[in-house]
Structures are given as C-alpha cells and as structure tokens.
PDB file of N, CA and C in Angstrom:
ATOM      1  N   MET A   1      42.777 -32.666 -71.699  1.00  0.00           N
ATOM      2  CA  MET A   1      41.663 -33.055 -70.855  1.00  0.00           C
ATOM      3  C   MET A   1      41.219 -31.869 -70.019  1.00  0.00           C
ATOM      4  N   ASN A   2      39.917 -31.651 -69.929  1.00  0.00           N
ATOM      5  CA  ASN A   2      39.473 -30.535 -69.103  1.00  0.00           C
ATOM      6  C   ASN A   2      39.370 -30.947 -67.639  1.00  0.00           C
ATOM      7  N   ARG A   3      39.321 -29.943 -66.772  1.00  0.00           N
ATOM      8  CA  ARG A   3      39.310 -30.177 -65.331  1.00  0.00           C
ATOM      9  C   ARG A   3      38.070 -30.945 -64.877  1.00  0.00           C
ATOM     10  N   GLU A   4      36.954 -30.683 -65.529  1.00  0.00           N
ATOM     11  CA  GLU A   4      35.704 -31.332 -65.149  1.00  0.00           C
ATOM     12  C   GLU A   4      35.809 -32.850 -65.197  1.00  0.00           C
ATOM     13  N   SER A   5      36.502 -33.377 -66.198  1.00  0.00           N
ATOM     14  CA  SER A   5      36.597 -34.830 -66.322  1.00  0.00           C
ATOM     15  C   SER A   5      37.464 -35.437 -65.222  1.00  0.00           C
ATOM     16  N   ASN A   6      38.371 -34.648 -64.633  1.00  0.00           N
ATOM     17  CA  ASN A   6      39.227 -35.144 -63.562  1.00  0.00           C
ATOM     18  C   ASN A   6      38.555 -35.088 -62.196  1.00  0.00           C
ATOM     19  N   THR A   7      37.810 -34.039 -61.932  1.00  0.00           N
ATOM     20  CA  THR A   7      37.262 -33.837 -60.594  1.00  0.00           C
ATOM     21  C   THR A   7      35.766 -34.055 -60.509  1.00  0.00           C
ATOM     22  N   GLY A   8      35.083 -34.041 -61.611  1.00  0.00           N
ATOM     23  CA  GLY A   8      33.643 -34.169 -61.587  1.00  0.00           C
ATOM     24  C   GLY A   8      32.980 -32.840 -61.289  1.00  0.00           C
ATOM     25  N   CYS A   9      31.694 -32.906 -61.070  1.00  0.00           N
ATOM     26  CA  CYS A   9      30.891 -31.725 -60.764  1.00  0.00           C
ATOM     27  C   CYS A   9      30.158 -31.964 -59.457  1.00  0.00           C
ATOM     28  N   PHE A  10      29.830 -30.886 -58.800  1.00  0.00           N
ATOM     29  CA  PHE A  10      29.106 -30.970 -57.540  1.00  0.00           C
ATOM     30  C   PHE A  10      27.811 -30.188 -57.629  1.00  0.00           C
ATOM     31  N   VAL A  11      26.771 -30.747 -57.060  1.00  0.00           N
ATOM     32  CA  VAL A  11      25.532 -30.027 -56.824  1.00  0.00           C
ATOM     33  C   VAL A  11      25.530 -29.743 -55.335  1.00  0.00           C
ATOM     34  N   TYR A  12      25.187 -28.523 -54.973  1.00  0.00           N
ATOM     35  CA  TYR A  12      25.268 -28.153 -53.567  1.00  0.00           C
ATOM     36  C   TYR A  12      24.060 -27.331 -53.146  1.00  0.00           C
ATOM     37  N   ILE A  13      23.805 -27.355 -51.851  1.00  0.00           N
ATOM     38  CA  ILE A  13      22.790 -26.500 -51.248  1.00  0.00           C
ATOM     39  C   ILE A  13      23.481 -25.746 -50.123  1.00  0.00           C
ATOM     40  N   ILE A  14      23.367 -24.427 -50.164  1.00  0.00           N
ATOM     41  CA  ILE A  14      23.896 -23.614 -49.083  1.00  0.00           C
ATOM     42  C   ILE A  14      22.723 -22.951 -48.377  1.00  0.00           C
ATOM     43  N   GLY A  15      22.926 -22.610 -47.126  1.00  0.00           N
ATOM     44  CA  GLY A  15      21.862 -21.993 -46.348  1.00  0.00           C
ATOM     45  C   GLY A  15      22.382 -20.831 -45.532  1.00  0.00           C
ATOM     46  N   ALA A  16      21.481 -19.894 -45.248  1.00  0.00           N
ATOM     47  CA  ALA A  16      21.808 -18.748 -44.407  1.00  0.00           C
ATOM     48  C   ALA A  16      20.593 -18.427 -43.552  1.00  0.00           C
ATOM     49  N   ALA A  17      20.842 -18.103 -42.302  1.00  0.00           N
ATOM     50  CA  ALA A  17      19.775 -17.692 -41.393  1.00  0.00           C
ATOM     51  C   ALA A  17      19.862 -16.182 -41.231  1.00  0.00           C
ATOM     52  N   GLY A  18      18.720 -15.531 -41.254  1.00  0.00           N
ATOM     53  CA  GLY A  18      18.700 -14.077 -41.107  1.00  0.00           C
ATOM     54  C   GLY A  18      17.416 -13.608 -40.478  1.00  0.00           C
ATOM     55  N   LYS A  19      17.199 -12.296 -40.520  1.00  0.00           N
ATOM     56  CA  LYS A  19      15.999 -11.701 -39.926  1.00  0.00           C
ATOM     57  C   LYS A  19      14.721 -12.282 -40.515  1.00  0.00           C
ATOM     58  N   GLY A  20      14.728 -12.506 -41.796  1.00  0.00           N
ATOM     59  CA  GLY A  20      13.542 -13.004 -42.477  1.00  0.00           C
ATOM     60  C   GLY A  20      13.401 -14.516 -42.450  1.00  0.00           C
ATOM     61  N   GLY A  21      14.210 -15.199 -41.671  1.00  0.00           N
ATOM     62  CA  GLY A  21      14.166 -16.656 -41.611  1.00  0.00           C
ATOM     63  C   GLY A  21      15.311 -17.270 -42.392  1.00  0.00           C
ATOM     64  N   TYR A  22      15.115 -18.493 -42.803  1.00  0.00           N
ATOM     65  CA  TYR A  22      16.147 -19.235 -43.522  1.00  0.00           C
ATOM     66  C   TYR A  22      16.036 -19.018 -45.022  1.00  0.00           C
ATOM     67  N   ARG A  23      17.195 -18.999 -45.683  1.00  0.00           N
ATOM     68  CA  ARG A  23      17.248 -18.942 -47.143  1.00  0.00           C
ATOM     69  C   ARG A  23      18.133 -20.084 -47.613  1.00  0.00           C
ATOM     70  N   THR A  24      17.800 -20.630 -48.760  1.00  0.00           N
ATOM     71  CA  THR A  24      18.650 -21.649 -49.363  1.00  0.00           C
ATOM     72  C   THR A  24      18.967 -21.255 -50.796  1.00  0.00           C
ATOM     73  N   TYR A  25      20.060 -21.799 -51.289  1.00  0.00           N
ATOM     74  CA  TYR A  25      20.468 -21.604 -52.669  1.00  0.00           C
ATOM     75  C   TYR A  25      20.982 -22.944 -53.173  1.00  0.00           C
ATOM     76  N   VAL A  26      20.536 -23.338 -54.351  1.00  0.00           N
ATOM     77  CA  VAL A  26      20.966 -24.591 -54.974  1.00  0.00           C
ATOM     78  C   VAL A  26      21.761 -24.246 -56.225  1.00  0.00           C
ATOM     79  N   GLY A  27      22.912 -24.882 -56.390  1.00  0.00           N
ATOM     80  CA  GLY A  27      23.727 -24.623 -57.572  1.00  0.00           C
ATOM     81  C   GLY A  27      24.613 -25.813 -57.897  1.00  0.00           C
ATOM     82  N   TRP A  28      25.411 -25.664 -58.934  1.00  0.00           N
ATOM     83  CA  TRP A  28      26.374 -26.703 -59.295  1.00  0.00           C
ATOM     84  C   TRP A  28      27.700 -26.025 -59.626  1.00  0.00           C
ATOM     85  N   THR A  29      28.785 -26.752 -59.473  1.00  0.00           N
ATOM     86  CA  THR A  29      30.115 -26.199 -59.698  1.00  0.00           C
ATOM     87  C   THR A  29      31.123 -27.313 -59.935  1.00  0.00           C
ATOM     88  N   ASN A  30      32.286 -26.940 -60.435  1.00  0.00           N
ATOM     89  CA  ASN A  30      33.411 -27.874 -60.566  1.00  0.00           C
ATOM     90  C   ASN A  30      34.306 -27.827 -59.337  1.00  0.00           C
ATOM     91  N   ASP A  31      34.250 -26.717 -58.593  1.00  0.00           N
ATOM     92  CA  ASP A  31      35.126 -26.508 -57.433  1.00  0.00           C
ATOM     93  C   ASP A  31      34.283 -26.006 -56.262  1.00  0.00           C
ATOM     94  N   LEU A  32      33.899 -26.905 -55.396  1.00  0.00           N
ATOM     95  CA  LEU A  32      32.964 -26.599 -54.314  1.00  0.00           C
ATOM     96  C   LEU A  32      33.515 -25.573 -53.326  1.00  0.00           C
ATOM     97  N   GLU A  33      34.748 -25.743 -52.887  1.00  0.00           N
ATOM     98  CA  GLU A  33      35.332 -24.807 -51.912  1.00  0.00           C
ATOM     99  C   GLU A  33      35.429 -23.396 -52.481  1.00  0.00           C
ATOM    100  N   LYS A  34      35.876 -23.294 -53.715  1.00  0.00           N
ATOM    101  CA  LYS A  34      36.017 -21.987 -54.359  1.00  0.00           C
ATOM    102  C   LYS A  34      34.652 -21.321 -54.542  1.00  0.00           C
ATOM    103  N   ARG A  35      33.657 -22.095 -54.900  1.00  0.00           N
ATOM    104  CA  ARG A  35      32.318 -21.542 -55.125  1.00  0.00           C
ATOM    105  C   ARG A  35      31.702 -21.043 -53.820  1.00  0.00           C
ATOM    106  N   LEU A  36      31.841 -21.800 -52.732  1.00  0.00           N
ATOM    107  CA  LEU A  36      31.314 -21.360 -51.441  1.00  0.00           C
ATOM    108  C   LEU A  36      32.022 -20.078 -50.998  1.00  0.00           C
ATOM    109  N   ALA A  37      33.331 -20.017 -51.198  1.00  0.00           N
ATOM    110  CA  ALA A  37      34.084 -18.802 -50.857  1.00  0.00           C
ATOM    111  C   ALA A  37      33.583 -17.611 -51.676  1.00  0.00           C
ATOM    112  N   ALA A  38      33.264 -17.833 -52.941  1.00  0.00           N
ATOM    113  CA  ALA A  38      32.748 -16.757 -53.793  1.00  0.00           C
ATOM    114  C   ALA A  38      31.397 -16.265 -53.284  1.00  0.00           C
ATOM    115  N   HIS A  39      30.519 -17.181 -52.890  1.00  0.00           N
ATOM    116  CA  HIS A  39      29.224 -16.772 -52.337  1.00  0.00           C
ATOM    117  C   HIS A  39      29.426 -15.917 -51.088  1.00  0.00           C
ATOM    118  N   ASN A  40      30.303 -16.340 -50.205  1.00  0.00           N
ATOM    119  CA  ASN A  40      30.518 -15.611 -48.954  1.00  0.00           C
ATOM    120  C   ASN A  40      31.281 -14.304 -49.152  1.00  0.00           C
ATOM    121  N   ALA A  41      32.019 -14.185 -50.246  1.00  0.00           N
ATOM    122  CA  ALA A  41      32.739 -12.943 -50.542  1.00  0.00           C
ATOM    123  C   ALA A  41      31.864 -11.937 -51.288  1.00  0.00           C
ATOM    124  N   GLY A  42      30.649 -12.356 -51.647  1.00  0.00           N
ATOM    125  CA  GLY A  42      29.757 -11.457 -52.367  1.00  0.00           C
ATOM    126  C   GLY A  42      29.973 -11.455 -53.865  1.00  0.00           C
ATOM    127  N   THR A  43      30.748 -12.403 -54.372  1.00  0.00           N
ATOM    128  CA  THR A  43      31.012 -12.461 -55.808  1.00  0.00           C
ATOM    129  C   THR A  43      30.334 -13.658 -56.468  1.00  0.00           C
ATOM    130  N   GLY A  44      29.476 -14.342 -55.729  1.00  0.00           N
ATOM    131  CA  GLY A  44      28.730 -15.471 -56.285  1.00  0.00           C
ATOM    132  C   GLY A  44      27.476 -14.956 -56.978  1.00  0.00           C
ATOM    133  N   ALA A  45      26.462 -15.757 -57.005  1.00  0.00           N
ATOM    134  CA  ALA A  45      25.196 -15.369 -57.614  1.00  0.00           C
ATOM    135  C   ALA A  45      24.625 -14.137 -56.912  1.00  0.00           C
ATOM    136  N   ARG A  46      23.968 -13.284 -57.654  1.00  0.00           N
ATOM    137  CA  ARG A  46      23.426 -12.040 -57.102  1.00  0.00           C
ATOM    138  C   ARG A  46      22.503 -12.293 -55.912  1.00  0.00           C
ATOM    139  N   SER A  47      21.710 -13.336 -55.975  1.00  0.00           N
ATOM    140  CA  SER A  47      20.754 -13.611 -54.895  1.00  0.00           C
ATOM    141  C   SER A  47      21.422 -14.078 -53.605  1.00  0.00           C
ATOM    142  N   THR A  48      22.721 -14.363 -53.643  1.00  0.00           N
ATOM    143  CA  THR A  48      23.402 -14.838 -52.436  1.00  0.00           C
ATOM    144  C   THR A  48      24.250 -13.761 -51.773  1.00  0.00           C
ATOM    145  N   ARG A  49      24.285 -12.584 -52.321  1.00  0.00           N
ATOM    146  CA  ARG A  49      25.152 -11.529 -51.774  1.00  0.00           C
ATOM    147  C   ARG A  49      24.609 -10.988 -50.455  1.00  0.00           C
ATOM    148  N   GLY A  50      25.544 -10.653 -49.570  1.00  0.00           N
ATOM    149  CA  GLY A  50      25.163 -10.019 -48.314  1.00  0.00           C
ATOM    150  C   GLY A  50      24.750 -10.966 -47.205  1.00  0.00           C
ATOM    151  N   ARG A  51      25.014 -12.240 -47.359  1.00  0.00           N
ATOM    152  CA  ARG A  51      24.668 -13.219 -46.333  1.00  0.00           C
ATOM    153  C   ARG A  51      25.888 -14.084 -46.023  1.00  0.00           C
ATOM    154  N   GLU A  52      25.867 -14.687 -44.850  1.00  0.00           N
ATOM    155  CA  GLU A  52      26.902 -15.650 -44.465  1.00  0.00           C
ATOM    156  C   GLU A  52      26.344 -17.041 -44.759  1.00  0.00           C
ATOM    157  N   TRP A  53      26.877 -17.705 -45.762  1.00  0.00           N
ATOM    158  CA  TRP A  53      26.361 -18.989 -46.219  1.00  0.00           C
ATOM    159  C   TRP A  53      27.130 -20.144 -45.606  1.00  0.00           C
ATOM    160  N   ARG A  54      26.408 -21.229 -45.431  1.00  0.00           N
ATOM    161  CA  ARG A  54      26.974 -22.456 -44.876  1.00  0.00           C
ATOM    162  C   ARG A  54      26.567 -23.613 -45.788  1.00  0.00           C
ATOM    163  N   LEU A  55      27.502 -24.512 -46.051  1.00  0.00           N
ATOM    164  CA  LEU A  55      27.207 -25.671 -46.890  1.00  0.00           C
ATOM    165  C   LEU A  55      26.316 -26.633 -46.119  1.00  0.00           C
ATOM    166  N   LEU A  56      25.152 -26.929 -46.679  1.00  0.00           N
ATOM    167  CA  LEU A  56      24.207 -27.848 -46.049  1.00  0.00           C
ATOM    168  C   LEU A  56      24.249 -29.235 -46.668  1.00  0.00           C
ATOM    169  N   TYR A  57      24.577 -29.301 -47.968  1.00  0.00           N
ATOM    170  CA  TYR A  57      24.464 -30.573 -48.688  1.00  0.00           C
ATOM    171  C   TYR A  57      25.286 -30.491 -49.967  1.00  0.00           C
ATOM    172  N   ALA A  58      25.901 -31.605 -50.351  1.00  0.00           N
ATOM    173  CA  ALA A  58      26.632 -31.668 -51.623  1.00  0.00           C
ATOM    174  C   ALA A  58      26.618 -33.094 -52.150  1.00  0.00           C
ATOM    175  N   GLU A  59      26.556 -33.205 -53.464  1.00  0.00           N
ATOM    176  CA  GLU A  59      26.627 -34.495 -54.164  1.00  0.00           C
ATOM    177  C   GLU A  59      27.631 -34.347 -55.299  1.00  0.00           C
ATOM    178  N   ARG A  60      28.403 -35.392 -55.560  1.00  0.00           N
ATOM    179  CA  ARG A  60      29.370 -35.381 -56.659  1.00  0.00           C
ATOM    180  C   ARG A  60      28.827 -36.185 -57.838  1.00  0.00           C
ATOM    181  N   PHE A  61      29.053 -35.664 -59.042  1.00  0.00           N
ATOM    182  CA  PHE A  61      28.646 -36.331 -60.275  1.00  0.00           C
ATOM    183  C   PHE A  61      29.834 -36.389 -61.225  1.00  0.00           C
ATOM    184  N   ASP A  62      29.827 -37.386 -62.091  1.00  0.00           N
ATOM    185  CA  ASP A  62      30.925 -37.559 -63.042  1.00  0.00           C
ATOM    186  C   ASP A  62      30.857 -36.588 -64.214  1.00  0.00           C
ATOM    187  N   ASP A  63      29.661 -36.079 -64.518  1.00  0.00           N
ATOM    188  CA  ASP A  63      29.542 -35.184 -65.664  1.00  0.00           C
ATOM    189  C   ASP A  63      28.564 -34.046 -65.384  1.00  0.00           C
ATOM    190  N   ARG A  64      28.704 -32.991 -66.164  1.00  0.00           N
ATOM    191  CA  ARG A  64      27.895 -31.790 -65.990  1.00  0.00           C
ATOM    192  C   ARG A  64      26.405 -32.023 -66.237  1.00  0.00           C
ATOM    193  N   PRO A  65      25.995 -32.739 -67.285  1.00  0.00           N
ATOM    194  CA  PRO A  65      24.558 -32.944 -67.494  1.00  0.00           C
ATOM    195  C   PRO A  65      23.869 -33.630 -66.305  1.00  0.00           C
ATOM    196  N   SER A  66      24.536 -34.596 -65.692  1.00  0.00           N
ATOM    197  CA  SER A  66      23.955 -35.268 -64.522  1.00  0.00           C
ATOM    198  C   SER A  66      23.820 -34.298 -63.357  1.00  0.00           C
ATOM    199  N   ALA A  67      24.833 -33.485 -63.149  1.00  0.00           N
ATOM    200  CA  ALA A  67      24.793 -32.499 -62.065  1.00  0.00           C
ATOM    201  C   ALA A  67      23.691 -31.478 -62.304  1.00  0.00           C
ATOM    202  N   MET A  68      23.565 -31.020 -63.526  1.00  0.00           N
ATOM    203  CA  MET A  68      22.547 -30.018 -63.838  1.00  0.00           C
ATOM    204  C   MET A  68      21.141 -30.585 -63.697  1.00  0.00           C
ATOM    205  N   SER A  69      20.968 -31.845 -64.032  1.00  0.00           N
ATOM    206  CA  SER A  69      19.672 -32.492 -63.865  1.00  0.00           C
ATOM    207  C   SER A  69      19.302 -32.585 -62.389  1.00  0.00           C
ATOM    208  N   ARG A  70      20.257 -32.992 -61.571  1.00  0.00           N
ATOM    209  CA  ARG A  70      20.007 -33.084 -60.125  1.00  0.00           C
ATOM    210  C   ARG A  70      19.728 -31.702 -59.533  1.00  0.00           C
ATOM    211  N   GLU A  71      20.460 -30.697 -59.991  1.00  0.00           N
ATOM    212  CA  GLU A  71      20.218 -29.323 -59.527  1.00  0.00           C
ATOM    213  C   GLU A  71      18.774 -28.923 -59.823  1.00  0.00           C
ATOM    214  N   TRP A  72      18.306 -29.211 -61.016  1.00  0.00           N
ATOM    215  CA  TRP A  72      16.940 -28.874 -61.417  1.00  0.00           C
ATOM    216  C   TRP A  72      15.935 -29.499 -60.459  1.00  0.00           C
ATOM    217  N   HIS A  73      16.142 -30.773 -60.124  1.00  0.00           N
ATOM    218  CA  HIS A  73      15.223 -31.470 -59.223  1.00  0.00           C
ATOM    219  C   HIS A  73      15.287 -30.908 -57.805  1.00  0.00           C
ATOM    220  N   LEU A  74      16.481 -30.621 -57.321  1.00  0.00           N
ATOM    221  CA  LEU A  74      16.610 -30.082 -55.962  1.00  0.00           C
ATOM    222  C   LEU A  74      15.993 -28.694 -55.833  1.00  0.00           C
ATOM    223  N   LYS A  75      16.057 -27.908 -56.889  1.00  0.00           N
ATOM    224  CA  LYS A  75      15.460 -26.570 -56.839  1.00  0.00           C
ATOM    225  C   LYS A  75      13.943 -26.652 -56.689  1.00  0.00           C
ATOM    226  N   ARG A  76      13.372 -27.750 -57.079  1.00  0.00           N
ATOM    227  CA  ARG A  76      11.923 -27.908 -56.989  1.00  0.00           C
ATOM    228  C   ARG A  76      11.477 -28.696 -55.756  1.00  0.00           C
ATOM    229  N   ASP A  77      12.412 -29.173 -54.974  1.00  0.00           N
ATOM    230  CA  ASP A  77      12.097 -29.984 -53.793  1.00  0.00           C
ATOM    231  C   ASP A  77      12.278 -29.155 -52.518  1.00  0.00           C
ATOM    232  N   ARG A  78      11.289 -28.331 -52.206  1.00  0.00           N
ATOM    233  CA  ARG A  78      11.367 -27.457 -51.033  1.00  0.00           C
ATOM    234  C   ARG A  78      11.378 -28.255 -49.734  1.00  0.00           C
ATOM    235  N   ASN A  79      10.690 -29.378 -49.710  1.00  0.00           N
ATOM    236  CA  ASN A  79      10.659 -30.186 -48.485  1.00  0.00           C
ATOM    237  C   ASN A  79      12.048 -30.711 -48.126  1.00  0.00           C
ATOM    238  N   PHE A  80      12.819 -31.108 -49.119  1.00  0.00           N
ATOM    239  CA  PHE A  80      14.176 -31.590 -48.865  1.00  0.00           C
ATOM    240  C   PHE A  80      15.022 -30.479 -48.254  1.00  0.00           C
ATOM    241  N   ARG A  81      14.946 -29.279 -48.838  1.00  0.00           N
ATOM    242  CA  ARG A  81      15.724 -28.151 -48.322  1.00  0.00           C
ATOM    243  C   ARG A  81      15.267 -27.767 -46.921  1.00  0.00           C
ATOM    244  N   LYS A  82      13.987 -27.863 -46.669  1.00  0.00           N
ATOM    245  CA  LYS A  82      13.452 -27.548 -45.333  1.00  0.00           C
ATOM    246  C   LYS A  82      13.991 -28.534 -44.289  1.00  0.00           C
ATOM    247  N   ARG A  83      14.073 -29.809 -44.648  1.00  0.00           N
ATOM    248  CA  ARG A  83      14.620 -30.821 -43.731  1.00  0.00           C
ATOM    249  C   ARG A  83      16.090 -30.551 -43.411  1.00  0.00           C
ATOM    250  N   LEU A  84      16.832 -30.028 -44.364  1.00  0.00           N
ATOM    251  CA  LEU A  84      18.239 -29.704 -44.116  1.00  0.00           C
ATOM    252  C   LEU A  84      18.368 -28.662 -43.016  1.00  0.00           C
ATOM    253  N   PHE A  85      17.477 -27.677 -43.006  1.00  0.00           N
ATOM    254  CA  PHE A  85      17.526 -26.663 -41.955  1.00  0.00           C
ATOM    255  C   PHE A  85      17.115 -27.231 -40.608  1.00  0.00           C
ATOM    256  N   THR A  86      16.204 -28.176 -40.597  1.00  0.00           N
ATOM    257  CA  THR A  86      15.818 -28.828 -39.345  1.00  0.00           C
ATOM    258  C   THR A  86      17.026 -29.539 -38.750  1.00  0.00           C
ATOM    259  N   GLU A  87      17.792 -30.216 -39.588  1.00  0.00           N
ATOM    260  CA  GLU A  87      19.006 -30.901 -39.134  1.00  0.00           C
ATOM    261  C   GLU A  87      20.072 -29.899 -38.702  1.00  0.00           C
ATOM    262  N   TRP A  88      20.146 -28.741 -39.356  1.00  0.00           N
ATOM    263  CA  TRP A  88      21.127 -27.711 -39.033  1.00  0.00           C
ATOM    264  C   TRP A  88      20.890 -27.177 -37.625  1.00  0.00           C
ATOM    265  N   ASP A  89      19.627 -27.007 -37.239  1.00  0.00           N
ATOM    266  CA  ASP A  89      19.268 -26.465 -35.925  1.00  0.00           C
ATOM    267  C   ASP A  89      19.558 -27.422 -34.788  1.00  0.00           C
ATOM    268  N   GLU A  90      19.634 -28.708 -35.069  1.00  0.00           N
ATOM    269  CA  GLU A  90      19.811 -29.699 -33.997  1.00  0.00           C
ATOM    270  C   GLU A  90      21.215 -29.710 -33.464  1.00  0.00           C
TER     271      GLU A  90
END
C-alpha cells in the first residue's frame, strides 16, 4: 500500500508578506508539514524561494485526482486567496 492511501492528500495555500505586498502559492502534497518546511528552507517550488511562508489554508482529500482538481480551482480563485490575507491581518 502506498503512503497516499493511508494519509490522503492536502491542497494548501501559503502566504508571505514582503516589500511588494502579499504573495500566495497554491499546491498539493502528501505531507503538509514537510512541504511547508521545504518552502521555507528554499527547496520548495522555485517561485517560493527567499520568502518566509505561512500556512493560510489547507484541505484534505482521499485521493490525488481530487486534490489536484481542487488545486486547479483555487489557483484561479484570486478573491478567495485575497480574503485569506484579510483574515491574516486581523
């Protein structure tokens, strides 16, 4: 049995505040803690290097196709990501 079937998959949104304002990144993973640590260590996705990231949102799914579908939708929903930063500031 593979690990994915035991733990599921996560879709997540991370955010970072900087000189140029807020940035968000949407992704999916089998291990949320390890993936966030990789982003903050500079070994995650190239677009996330050099920033201090914070987990803004996460959802768990039973399978990879469902997680990837949700990731696709979240990447296109800028208003949702913008609301997450509004809540972060409060």
